[in-house]
C-alpha cells in the first residue's frame, strides 16, 4: 500500500497557474504509475493525467492537453501536476492515485488505481 498526500491547491484567477504535489510514502513509489483525477461538485470523478513508473510515458485527458503537465521525481517520492492557463471549468477537488503497472496503457480508469490521496481543492475564478 502507498500513502498519498496532495498539496498545492488553492484559489486562482482564470489564466493563472498552480502546481499540485503528491507526496508518497509506504511501498516503493517508483513501482507505481501515478495518476491525477478530479471531481467537480455534482459531477463524477474524471481522469486528468497519468505518468508511468519510469516517467517515460504520459497520457492526458483531452480537456487538459497542452495546459497541464504531469511529472514525478522518484528520488523524492513525489509526483506533480503543473496546471497552466486554468479555466473556471477546471474547478474541482484533485486527487492523486497510484496503480501497479500491469502492462496496460494508459491507466485511465479509477478502478485501476489501488491507493488514493485525500484530495486538494482547486478553485478557478472567472
Foldseek 3Di string as FASTA:
>chain_A
DKAKAKDWADEEAAQAKTKIKIAIDDPQLLQWKKFKWWDDPPGDIFGAKIAHSVSPDIDGDPVQPPFWDKDADSVRRMIMIIGGRDDQVVWTWMKMFIAGDDPDPDPTDPVRTDYIYPTGTHGYHD
